[in-house]
Amino acid sequence: MASAETKREIKQMIVEQLFLPIAPEEIEDTAPLMDTYGVDSVALFSLIVGLETVYGLTIEESEFRLAYFLDVESIANFVETKTKGE
């Protein structure tokens, strides 16, 4: 399970990258981003760029799996796994 700090950072980044009219703490950890917040392929690309910027990651095309970006929890788990491996 991802840390609360990582999830908080990701929620903040999601609100900023997607210009959502809500506070980061209103985003539920397991709320489906596509269904709940209208994240589409363009928004998803924006989130990936945000993750690369915030965490200094390089996300290779071969690493992209929709399952990693379904909700805040899955994104946070992916980020923590990726940052531990680099």
PDB file of N, CA and C in Angstrom:
ATOM      1  N   MET A   1       0.842  -1.176   0.000  1.00  0.00           N
ATOM      2  CA  MET A   1       0.000   0.000   0.000  1.00  0.00           C
ATOM      3  C   MET A   1       0.890   1.243   0.000  1.00  0.00           C
ATOM      4  N   ALA A   2       0.524   2.210  -0.800  1.00  0.00           N
ATOM      5  CA  ALA A   2       1.307   3.428  -0.950  1.00  0.00           C
ATOM      6  C   ALA A   2       1.161   4.322   0.282  1.00  0.00           C
ATOM      7  N   SER A   3       2.161   5.152   0.493  1.00  0.00           N
ATOM      8  CA  SER A   3       2.148   6.047   1.644  1.00  0.00           C
ATOM      9  C   SER A   3       1.130   7.175   1.463  1.00  0.00           C
ATOM     10  N   ALA A   4       0.663   7.692   2.575  1.00  0.00           N
ATOM     11  CA  ALA A   4      -0.293   8.803   2.566  1.00  0.00           C
ATOM     12  C   ALA A   4       0.337  10.034   1.921  1.00  0.00           C
ATOM     13  N   GLU A   5       1.616  10.236   2.140  1.00  0.00           N
ATOM     14  CA  GLU A   5       2.315  11.390   1.563  1.00  0.00           C
ATOM     15  C   GLU A   5       2.340  11.320   0.042  1.00  0.00           C
ATOM     16  N   THR A   6       2.656  10.147  -0.495  1.00  0.00           N
ATOM     17  CA  THR A   6       2.674   9.979  -1.949  1.00  0.00           C
ATOM     18  C   THR A   6       1.290  10.227  -2.528  1.00  0.00           C
ATOM     19  N   LYS A   7       0.263   9.684  -1.896  1.00  0.00           N
ATOM     20  CA  LYS A   7      -1.100   9.885  -2.390  1.00  0.00           C
ATOM     21  C   LYS A   7      -1.494  11.355  -2.328  1.00  0.00           C
ATOM     22  N   ARG A   8      -1.094  12.049  -1.268  1.00  0.00           N
ATOM     23  CA  ARG A   8      -1.399  13.472  -1.142  1.00  0.00           C
ATOM     24  C   ARG A   8      -0.740  14.264  -2.275  1.00  0.00           C
ATOM     25  N   GLU A   9       0.524  13.959  -2.554  1.00  0.00           N
ATOM     26  CA  GLU A   9       1.252  14.630  -3.634  1.00  0.00           C
ATOM     27  C   GLU A   9       0.601  14.365  -4.986  1.00  0.00           C
ATOM     28  N   ILE A  10       0.180  13.148  -5.208  1.00  0.00           N
ATOM     29  CA  ILE A  10      -0.444  12.789  -6.488  1.00  0.00           C
ATOM     30  C   ILE A  10      -1.786  13.483  -6.640  1.00  0.00           C
ATOM     31  N   LYS A  11      -2.565  13.543  -5.587  1.00  0.00           N
ATOM     32  CA  LYS A  11      -3.849  14.249  -5.654  1.00  0.00           C
ATOM     33  C   LYS A  11      -3.640  15.725  -5.997  1.00  0.00           C
ATOM     34  N   GLN A  12      -2.645  16.333  -5.373  1.00  0.00           N
ATOM     35  CA  GLN A  12      -2.334  17.735  -5.661  1.00  0.00           C
ATOM     36  C   GLN A  12      -1.951  17.894  -7.131  1.00  0.00           C
ATOM     37  N   MET A  13      -1.108  17.000  -7.625  1.00  0.00           N
ATOM     38  CA  MET A  13      -0.674  17.062  -9.013  1.00  0.00           C
ATOM     39  C   MET A  13      -1.849  16.858  -9.964  1.00  0.00           C
ATOM     40  N   ILE A  14      -2.760  15.936  -9.650  1.00  0.00           N
ATOM     41  CA  ILE A  14      -3.929  15.689 -10.492  1.00  0.00           C
ATOM     42  C   ILE A  14      -4.787  16.951 -10.596  1.00  0.00           C
ATOM     43  N   VAL A  15      -5.053  17.581  -9.481  1.00  0.00           N
ATOM     44  CA  VAL A  15      -5.870  18.803  -9.482  1.00  0.00           C
ATOM     45  C   VAL A  15      -5.198  19.897 -10.306  1.00  0.00           C
ATOM     46  N   GLU A  16      -3.890  20.051 -10.139  1.00  0.00           N
ATOM     47  CA  GLU A  16      -3.167  21.084 -10.874  1.00  0.00           C
ATOM     48  C   GLU A  16      -3.062  20.779 -12.363  1.00  0.00           C
ATOM     49  N   GLN A  17      -2.708  19.560 -12.717  1.00  0.00           N
ATOM     50  CA  GLN A  17      -2.524  19.186 -14.128  1.00  0.00           C
ATOM     51  C   GLN A  17      -3.833  19.217 -14.915  1.00  0.00           C
ATOM     52  N   LEU A  18      -4.918  18.812 -14.255  1.00  0.00           N
ATOM     53  CA  LEU A  18      -6.197  18.705 -14.958  1.00  0.00           C
ATOM     54  C   LEU A  18      -7.121  19.892 -14.696  1.00  0.00           C
ATOM     55  N   PHE A  19      -6.631  20.846 -13.914  1.00  0.00           N
ATOM     56  CA  PHE A  19      -7.416  22.039 -13.588  1.00  0.00           C
ATOM     57  C   PHE A  19      -8.786  21.670 -13.021  1.00  0.00           C
ATOM     58  N   LEU A  20      -8.798  20.686 -12.126  1.00  0.00           N
ATOM     59  CA  LEU A  20     -10.057  20.252 -11.525  1.00  0.00           C
ATOM     60  C   LEU A  20     -10.532  21.297 -10.516  1.00  0.00           C
ATOM     61  N   PRO A  21     -11.842  21.566 -10.496  1.00  0.00           N
ATOM     62  CA  PRO A  21     -12.383  22.575  -9.581  1.00  0.00           C
ATOM     63  C   PRO A  21     -12.706  22.005  -8.198  1.00  0.00           C
ATOM     64  N   ILE A  22     -11.824  21.159  -7.688  1.00  0.00           N
ATOM     65  CA  ILE A  22     -12.020  20.560  -6.363  1.00  0.00           C
ATOM     66  C   ILE A  22     -10.705  20.617  -5.598  1.00  0.00           C
ATOM     67  N   ALA A  23     -10.804  20.445  -4.296  1.00  0.00           N
ATOM     68  CA  ALA A  23      -9.606  20.386  -3.467  1.00  0.00           C
ATOM     69  C   ALA A  23      -9.000  18.984  -3.570  1.00  0.00           C
ATOM     70  N   PRO A  24      -7.677  18.872  -3.531  1.00  0.00           N
ATOM     71  CA  PRO A  24      -7.041  17.556  -3.635  1.00  0.00           C
ATOM     72  C   PRO A  24      -7.578  16.538  -2.632  1.00  0.00           C
ATOM     73  N   GLU A  25      -7.873  16.980  -1.414  1.00  0.00           N
ATOM     74  CA  GLU A  25      -8.350  16.043  -0.394  1.00  0.00           C
ATOM     75  C   GLU A  25      -9.750  15.500  -0.684  1.00  0.00           C
ATOM     76  N   GLU A  26     -10.445  16.072  -1.660  1.00  0.00           N
ATOM     77  CA  GLU A  26     -11.759  15.561  -2.048  1.00  0.00           C
ATOM     78  C   GLU A  26     -11.658  14.337  -2.956  1.00  0.00           C
ATOM     79  N   ILE A  27     -10.485  14.093  -3.514  1.00  0.00           N
ATOM     80  CA  ILE A  27     -10.292  12.938  -4.388  1.00  0.00           C
ATOM     81  C   ILE A  27     -10.115  11.697  -3.524  1.00  0.00           C
ATOM     82  N   GLU A  28     -10.948  10.714  -3.753  1.00  0.00           N
ATOM     83  CA  GLU A  28     -10.840   9.460  -3.012  1.00  0.00           C
ATOM     84  C   GLU A  28      -9.731   8.595  -3.610  1.00  0.00           C
ATOM     85  N   ASP A  29      -9.037   7.874  -2.743  1.00  0.00           N
ATOM     86  CA  ASP A  29      -7.901   7.059  -3.183  1.00  0.00           C
ATOM     87  C   ASP A  29      -8.272   6.035  -4.249  1.00  0.00           C
ATOM     88  N   THR A  30      -9.467   5.470  -4.155  1.00  0.00           N
ATOM     89  CA  THR A  30      -9.850   4.396  -5.078  1.00  0.00           C
ATOM     90  C   THR A  30     -10.953   4.800  -6.052  1.00  0.00           C
ATOM     91  N   ALA A  31     -11.243   6.088  -6.153  1.00  0.00           N
ATOM     92  CA  ALA A  31     -12.245   6.550  -7.119  1.00  0.00           C
ATOM     93  C   ALA A  31     -11.660   6.433  -8.526  1.00  0.00           C
ATOM     94  N   PRO A  32     -12.362   5.765  -9.445  1.00  0.00           N
ATOM     95  CA  PRO A  32     -11.858   5.630 -10.812  1.00  0.00           C
ATOM     96  C   PRO A  32     -11.710   7.003 -11.473  1.00  0.00           C
ATOM     97  N   LEU A  33     -10.508   7.337 -11.871  1.00  0.00           N
ATOM     98  CA  LEU A  33     -10.255   8.659 -12.432  1.00  0.00           C
ATOM     99  C   LEU A  33     -11.040   8.910 -13.714  1.00  0.00           C
ATOM    100  N   MET A  34     -11.174   7.902 -14.550  1.00  0.00           N
ATOM    101  CA  MET A  34     -11.875   8.084 -15.818  1.00  0.00           C
ATOM    102  C   MET A  34     -13.369   8.318 -15.607  1.00  0.00           C
ATOM    103  N   ASP A  35     -13.965   7.525 -14.758  1.00  0.00           N
ATOM    104  CA  ASP A  35     -15.407   7.634 -14.536  1.00  0.00           C
ATOM    105  C   ASP A  35     -15.769   8.806 -13.630  1.00  0.00           C
ATOM    106  N   THR A  36     -15.006   9.024 -12.592  1.00  0.00           N
ATOM    107  CA  THR A  36     -15.345  10.026 -11.585  1.00  0.00           C
ATOM    108  C   THR A  36     -14.922  11.435 -11.987  1.00  0.00           C
ATOM    109  N   TYR A  37     -13.752  11.563 -12.605  1.00  0.00           N
ATOM    110  CA  TYR A  37     -13.205  12.885 -12.894  1.00  0.00           C
ATOM    111  C   TYR A  37     -13.042  13.158 -14.389  1.00  0.00           C
ATOM    112  N   GLY A  38     -13.541  12.274 -15.231  1.00  0.00           N
ATOM    113  CA  GLY A  38     -13.526  12.496 -16.671  1.00  0.00           C
ATOM    114  C   GLY A  38     -12.149  12.459 -17.304  1.00  0.00           C
ATOM    115  N   VAL A  39     -11.235  11.719 -16.712  1.00  0.00           N
ATOM    116  CA  VAL A  39      -9.894  11.606 -17.283  1.00  0.00           C
ATOM    117  C   VAL A  39      -9.980  10.811 -18.587  1.00  0.00           C
ATOM    118  N   ASP A  40      -9.471  11.417 -19.654  1.00  0.00           N
ATOM    119  CA  ASP A  40      -9.432  10.745 -20.952  1.00  0.00           C
ATOM    120  C   ASP A  40      -7.971  10.539 -21.345  1.00  0.00           C
ATOM    121  N   SER A  41      -7.723  10.121 -22.570  1.00  0.00           N
ATOM    122  CA  SER A  41      -6.349   9.809 -22.978  1.00  0.00           C
ATOM    123  C   SER A  41      -5.451  11.042 -22.960  1.00  0.00           C
ATOM    124  N   VAL A  42      -5.978  12.195 -23.311  1.00  0.00           N
ATOM    125  CA  VAL A  42      -5.184  13.423 -23.285  1.00  0.00           C
ATOM    126  C   VAL A  42      -4.839  13.797 -21.842  1.00  0.00           C
ATOM    127  N   ALA A  43      -5.826  13.728 -20.961  1.00  0.00           N
ATOM    128  CA  ALA A  43      -5.596  14.029 -19.548  1.00  0.00           C
ATOM    129  C   ALA A  43      -4.628  13.025 -18.940  1.00  0.00           C
ATOM    130  N   LEU A  44      -4.734  11.778 -19.339  1.00  0.00           N
ATOM    131  CA  LEU A  44      -3.836  10.748 -18.831  1.00  0.00           C
ATOM    132  C   LEU A  44      -2.390  11.048 -19.238  1.00  0.00           C
ATOM    133  N   PHE A  45      -2.205  11.492 -20.458  1.00  0.00           N
ATOM    134  CA  PHE A  45      -0.868  11.878 -20.907  1.00  0.00           C
ATOM    135  C   PHE A  45      -0.342  13.027 -20.052  1.00  0.00           C
ATOM    136  N   SER A  46      -1.189  13.982 -19.754  1.00  0.00           N
ATOM    137  CA  SER A  46      -0.815  15.110 -18.908  1.00  0.00           C
ATOM    138  C   SER A  46      -0.403  14.632 -17.512  1.00  0.00           C
ATOM    139  N   LEU A  47      -1.123  13.657 -16.977  1.00  0.00           N
ATOM    140  CA  LEU A  47      -0.771  13.098 -15.669  1.00  0.00           C
ATOM    141  C   LEU A  47       0.586  12.402 -15.709  1.00  0.00           C
ATOM    142  N   ILE A  48       0.857  11.690 -16.775  1.00  0.00           N
ATOM    143  CA  ILE A  48       2.137  10.996 -16.910  1.00  0.00           C
ATOM    144  C   ILE A  48       3.282  12.009 -16.961  1.00  0.00           C
ATOM    145  N   VAL A  49       3.085  13.074 -17.725  1.00  0.00           N
ATOM    146  CA  VAL A  49       4.104  14.132 -17.785  1.00  0.00           C
ATOM    147  C   VAL A  49       4.295  14.742 -16.394  1.00  0.00           C
ATOM    148  N   GLY A  50       3.191  14.954 -15.682  1.00  0.00           N
ATOM    149  CA  GLY A  50       3.268  15.483 -14.319  1.00  0.00           C
ATOM    150  C   GLY A  50       4.040  14.565 -13.390  1.00  0.00           C
ATOM    151  N   LEU A  51       3.794  13.276 -13.475  1.00  0.00           N
ATOM    152  CA  LEU A  51       4.520  12.305 -12.642  1.00  0.00           C
ATOM    153  C   LEU A  51       6.008  12.321 -12.960  1.00  0.00           C
ATOM    154  N   GLU A  52       6.331  12.386 -14.235  1.00  0.00           N
ATOM    155  CA  GLU A  52       7.740  12.429 -14.627  1.00  0.00           C
ATOM    156  C   GLU A  52       8.420  13.687 -14.080  1.00  0.00           C
ATOM    157  N   THR A  53       7.697  14.790 -14.094  1.00  0.00           N
ATOM    158  CA  THR A  53       8.248  16.051 -13.607  1.00  0.00           C
ATOM    159  C   THR A  53       8.383  16.057 -12.090  1.00  0.00           C
ATOM    160  N   VAL A  54       7.313  15.720 -11.398  1.00  0.00           N
ATOM    161  CA  VAL A  54       7.296  15.778  -9.931  1.00  0.00           C
ATOM    162  C   VAL A  54       8.277  14.785  -9.316  1.00  0.00           C
ATOM    163  N   TYR A  55       8.316  13.581  -9.863  1.00  0.00           N
ATOM    164  CA  TYR A  55       9.129  12.524  -9.251  1.00  0.00           C
ATOM    165  C   TYR A  55      10.435  12.248  -9.988  1.00  0.00           C
ATOM    166  N   GLY A  56      10.710  12.983 -11.060  1.00  0.00           N
ATOM    167  CA  GLY A  56      11.944  12.765 -11.796  1.00  0.00           C
ATOM    168  C   GLY A  56      12.011  11.403 -12.455  1.00  0.00           C
ATOM    169  N   LEU A  57      10.844  10.892 -12.825  1.00  0.00           N
ATOM    170  CA  LEU A  57      10.758   9.564 -13.430  1.00  0.00           C
ATOM    171  C   LEU A  57      10.868   9.641 -14.949  1.00  0.00           C
ATOM    172  N   THR A  58      11.224   8.531 -15.529  1.00  0.00           N
ATOM    173  CA  THR A  58      11.079   8.330 -16.959  1.00  0.00           C
ATOM    174  C   THR A  58      10.188   7.112 -17.108  1.00  0.00           C
ATOM    175  N   ILE A  59       9.007   7.320 -17.647  1.00  0.00           N
ATOM    176  CA  ILE A  59       8.062   6.219 -17.833  1.00  0.00           C
ATOM    177  C   ILE A  59       8.144   5.797 -19.292  1.00  0.00           C
ATOM    178  N   GLU A  60       8.701   4.630 -19.487  1.00  0.00           N
ATOM    179  CA  GLU A  60       8.881   4.097 -20.839  1.00  0.00           C
ATOM    180  C   GLU A  60       7.539   3.611 -21.394  1.00  0.00           C
ATOM    181  N   GLU A  61       7.422   3.626 -22.689  1.00  0.00           N
ATOM    182  CA  GLU A  61       6.190   3.162 -23.336  1.00  0.00           C
ATOM    183  C   GLU A  61       5.870   1.723 -22.932  1.00  0.00           C
ATOM    184  N   SER A  62       6.893   0.913 -22.778  1.00  0.00           N
ATOM    185  CA  SER A  62       6.683  -0.486 -22.406  1.00  0.00           C
ATOM    186  C   SER A  62       6.146  -0.638 -20.983  1.00  0.00           C
ATOM    187  N   GLU A  63       6.303   0.409 -20.156  1.00  0.00           N
ATOM    188  CA  GLU A  63       5.805   0.365 -18.785  1.00  0.00           C
ATOM    189  C   GLU A  63       4.362   0.836 -18.655  1.00  0.00           C
ATOM    190  N   PHE A  64       3.855   1.448 -19.704  1.00  0.00           N
ATOM    191  CA  PHE A  64       2.518   2.009 -19.612  1.00  0.00           C
ATOM    192  C   PHE A  64       1.468   0.903 -19.650  1.00  0.00           C
ATOM    193  N   ARG A  65       0.729   0.803 -18.548  1.00  0.00           N
ATOM    194  CA  ARG A  65      -0.397  -0.118 -18.444  1.00  0.00           C
ATOM    195  C   ARG A  65      -1.525   0.652 -17.783  1.00  0.00           C
ATOM    196  N   LEU A  66      -2.690   0.619 -18.367  1.00  0.00           N
ATOM    197  CA  LEU A  66      -3.822   1.368 -17.832  1.00  0.00           C
ATOM    198  C   LEU A  66      -4.082   1.026 -16.369  1.00  0.00           C
ATOM    199  N   ALA A  67      -3.808  -0.204 -15.976  1.00  0.00           N
ATOM    200  CA  ALA A  67      -4.029  -0.629 -14.589  1.00  0.00           C
ATOM    201  C   ALA A  67      -3.230   0.207 -13.592  1.00  0.00           C
ATOM    202  N   TYR A  68      -2.117   0.806 -14.028  1.00  0.00           N
ATOM    203  CA  TYR A  68      -1.304   1.637 -13.137  1.00  0.00           C
ATOM    204  C   TYR A  68      -1.910   3.017 -12.917  1.00  0.00           C
ATOM    205  N   PHE A  69      -2.888   3.377 -13.738  1.00  0.00           N
ATOM    206  CA  PHE A  69      -3.416   4.742 -13.720  1.00  0.00           C
ATOM    207  C   PHE A  69      -4.925   4.797 -13.518  1.00  0.00           C
ATOM    208  N   LEU A  70      -5.484   3.785 -12.902  1.00  0.00           N
ATOM    209  CA  LEU A  70      -6.931   3.733 -12.699  1.00  0.00           C
ATOM    210  C   LEU A  70      -7.413   4.695 -11.624  1.00  0.00           C
ATOM    211  N   ASP A  71      -6.633   4.827 -10.565  1.00  0.00           N
ATOM    212  CA  ASP A  71      -7.028   5.663  -9.434  1.00  0.00           C
ATOM    213  C   ASP A  71      -5.766   6.134  -8.713  1.00  0.00           C
ATOM    214  N   VAL A  72      -5.936   6.952  -7.708  1.00  0.00           N
ATOM    215  CA  VAL A  72      -4.793   7.489  -6.966  1.00  0.00           C
ATOM    216  C   VAL A  72      -3.974   6.365  -6.333  1.00  0.00           C
ATOM    217  N   GLU A  73      -4.646   5.387  -5.770  1.00  0.00           N
ATOM    218  CA  GLU A  73      -3.949   4.267  -5.123  1.00  0.00           C
ATOM    219  C   GLU A  73      -3.034   3.542  -6.112  1.00  0.00           C
ATOM    220  N   SER A  74      -3.530   3.224  -7.293  1.00  0.00           N
ATOM    221  CA  SER A  74      -2.710   2.497  -8.271  1.00  0.00           C
ATOM    222  C   SER A  74      -1.565   3.366  -8.787  1.00  0.00           C
ATOM    223  N   ILE A  75      -1.796   4.665  -8.970  1.00  0.00           N
ATOM    224  CA  ILE A  75      -0.725   5.565  -9.400  1.00  0.00           C
ATOM    225  C   ILE A  75       0.352   5.642  -8.318  1.00  0.00           C
ATOM    226  N   ALA A  76      -0.058   5.801  -7.074  1.00  0.00           N
ATOM    227  CA  ALA A  76       0.894   5.898  -5.966  1.00  0.00           C
ATOM    228  C   ALA A  76       1.716   4.619  -5.834  1.00  0.00           C
ATOM    229  N   ASN A  77       1.085   3.480  -5.973  1.00  0.00           N
ATOM    230  CA  ASN A  77       1.823   2.207  -5.909  1.00  0.00           C
ATOM    231  C   ASN A  77       2.847   2.124  -7.041  1.00  0.00           C
ATOM    232  N   PHE A  78       2.443   2.529  -8.239  1.00  0.00           N
ATOM    233  CA  PHE A  78       3.346   2.528  -9.384  1.00  0.00           C
ATOM    234  C   PHE A  78       4.535   3.460  -9.127  1.00  0.00           C
ATOM    235  N   VAL A  79       4.259   4.674  -8.665  1.00  0.00           N
ATOM    236  CA  VAL A  79       5.314   5.655  -8.403  1.00  0.00           C
ATOM    237  C   VAL A  79       6.279   5.129  -7.357  1.00  0.00           C
ATOM    238  N   GLU A  80       5.772   4.594  -6.269  1.00  0.00           N
ATOM    239  CA  GLU A  80       6.663   4.102  -5.211  1.00  0.00           C
ATOM    240  C   GLU A  80       7.500   2.919  -5.683  1.00  0.00           C
ATOM    241  N   THR A  81       6.904   2.036  -6.452  1.00  0.00           N
ATOM    242  CA  THR A  81       7.659   0.910  -7.005  1.00  0.00           C
ATOM    243  C   THR A  81       8.737   1.402  -7.960  1.00  0.00           C
ATOM    244  N   LYS A  82       8.363   2.342  -8.803  1.00  0.00           N
ATOM    245  CA  LYS A  82       9.296   2.886  -9.807  1.00  0.00           C
ATOM    246  C   LYS A  82      10.441   3.664  -9.141  1.00  0.00           C
ATOM    247  N   THR A  83      10.134   4.453  -8.142  1.00  0.00           N
ATOM    248  CA  THR A  83      11.184   5.251  -7.492  1.00  0.00           C
ATOM    249  C   THR A  83      12.123   4.387  -6.662  1.00  0.00           C
ATOM    250  N   LYS A  84      11.646   3.278  -6.158  1.00  0.00           N
ATOM    251  CA  LYS A  84      12.510   2.355  -5.406  1.00  0.00           C
ATOM    252  C   LYS A  84      13.428   1.596  -6.337  1.00  0.00           C
ATOM    253  N   GLY A  85      12.975   1.391  -7.584  1.00  0.00           N
ATOM    254  CA  GLY A  85      13.743   0.614  -8.537  1.00  0.00           C
ATOM    255  C   GLY A  85      14.780   1.420  -9.289  1.00  0.00           C
ATOM    256  N   GLU A  86      14.684   2.731  -9.236  1.00  0.00           N
ATOM    257  CA  GLU A  86      15.629   3.572 -10.003  1.00  0.00           C
ATOM    258  C   GLU A  86      16.770   4.032  -9.146  1.00  0.00           C
TER     259      GLU A  86
END
